[in-house]
Protein backbone atom coordinates (compact mmCIF):
# COMPACT_ATOMS: atom_id res chain seq x y z
CA MET A 1 88.87 103.85 200.46
CA GLU A 2 90.65 100.65 200.30
CA PRO A 3 90.04 98.41 197.33
CA ASP A 4 88.29 95.18 198.32
CA GLN A 5 88.94 95.79 201.95
CA HIS A 6 86.31 95.51 204.61
CA PHE A 7 86.55 96.79 208.16
CA TYR A 8 84.65 95.97 211.11
CA VAL A 9 83.23 97.16 214.22
CA TYR A 10 82.55 94.63 216.67
CA ILE A 11 81.15 93.76 220.38
CA LEU A 12 82.39 90.82 222.57
CA TYR A 13 80.61 89.92 225.73
CA SER A 14 82.09 87.98 228.57
CA GLU A 15 79.17 86.12 230.59
CA SER A 16 81.34 85.30 233.50
CA PHE A 17 81.99 89.13 234.03
CA ASP A 18 78.84 90.54 232.71
CA LYS A 19 81.42 92.87 230.54
CA PHE A 20 81.23 94.35 226.91
CA TYR A 21 84.10 95.09 224.91
CA ILE A 22 84.18 97.50 221.70
CA GLY A 23 86.71 97.12 219.04
CA GLN A 24 87.41 97.43 215.38
CA THR A 25 89.80 95.35 212.95
CA ASN A 26 90.09 94.36 209.16
CA ASP A 27 90.05 90.72 210.11
CA LEU A 28 87.31 89.62 212.33
CA ALA A 29 87.95 86.19 212.79
CA ALA A 30 91.89 86.77 213.39
CA ARG A 31 91.04 89.57 215.92
CA PHE A 32 88.34 87.12 217.78
CA SER A 33 90.91 84.76 218.05
CA ARG A 34 93.67 86.85 219.55
CA HIS A 35 91.29 88.15 222.14
CA GLU A 36 90.42 84.20 223.18
CA LYS A 37 93.84 83.05 223.41
CA GLY A 38 94.59 86.09 225.76
CA TYR A 39 96.99 88.03 223.20
CA VAL A 40 94.84 91.28 224.05
CA LYS A 41 96.13 92.39 227.42
CA SER A 42 92.49 94.54 228.07
CA THR A 43 90.67 91.41 227.61
CA LYS A 44 92.72 88.68 228.72
CA ARG A 45 91.49 88.38 232.37
CA PHE A 46 87.75 88.44 231.02
CA ARG A 47 87.75 85.15 228.83
CA PRO A 48 85.80 83.57 227.63
CA TRP A 49 84.25 85.97 225.11
CA LYS A 50 81.48 85.88 222.55
CA MET A 51 81.07 87.90 219.62
CA VAL A 52 77.78 89.24 220.05
CA HIS A 53 77.52 91.98 217.34
CA SER A 54 79.62 93.06 214.37
CA GLU A 55 78.99 95.81 211.75
CA GLU A 56 80.94 95.95 208.31
CA TYR A 57 82.36 99.06 206.82
CA ASN A 58 84.05 99.77 203.73
CA SER A 59 86.85 101.95 205.32
CA ARG A 60 88.89 102.38 208.08
CA THR A 61 88.13 105.79 208.74
CA ASP A 62 84.15 104.54 209.03
CA SER A 63 84.88 101.79 211.27
CA VAL A 64 87.02 103.74 213.73
CA ARG A 65 84.37 106.39 213.94
CA ARG A 66 81.60 103.99 214.57
CA GLU A 67 83.88 102.34 217.16
CA GLY A 68 84.59 105.73 218.90
CA ARG A 69 80.63 106.75 218.82
CA LEU A 70 79.54 103.25 220.56
CA LYS A 71 82.45 103.80 223.29
CA SER A 72 81.24 107.51 223.95
CA TRP A 73 77.75 105.63 225.09
CA LYS A 74 79.43 104.34 228.48
CA SER A 75 76.26 102.62 228.83
CA LYS A 76 75.64 98.86 229.31
CA SER A 77 72.21 98.89 228.70
CA MET A 78 72.54 101.07 225.52
CA ILE A 79 75.11 98.59 224.34
CA LYS A 80 72.71 95.81 225.40
CA LYS A 81 69.96 97.22 223.51
CA LEU A 82 71.98 97.65 220.39
CA VAL A 83 72.98 93.77 220.58
CA ASP A 84 69.72 92.75 221.39
CA THR A 85 68.11 94.28 218.45
CA SER A 86 70.84 92.97 215.91
CA ARG A 87 69.94 89.36 216.89
């Protein structure tokens, strides 16, 4: 485990395209800024984004595992349910 470092799984939502994006990072604010500024190729054309959900983990291993689990759902309705219940 990395000392005093946190990792995050996050979900972004594009209202314009009704699209979710799931990712993980160790710096939530910086990563969101990169998405919003168009520096992330896979999300650039779907801007603007809203951060609609995030989860904190103590290890990158745990955050990557959770990111993979969420991405495996392949269901917008399941992701929306998670987002709605976390608000």
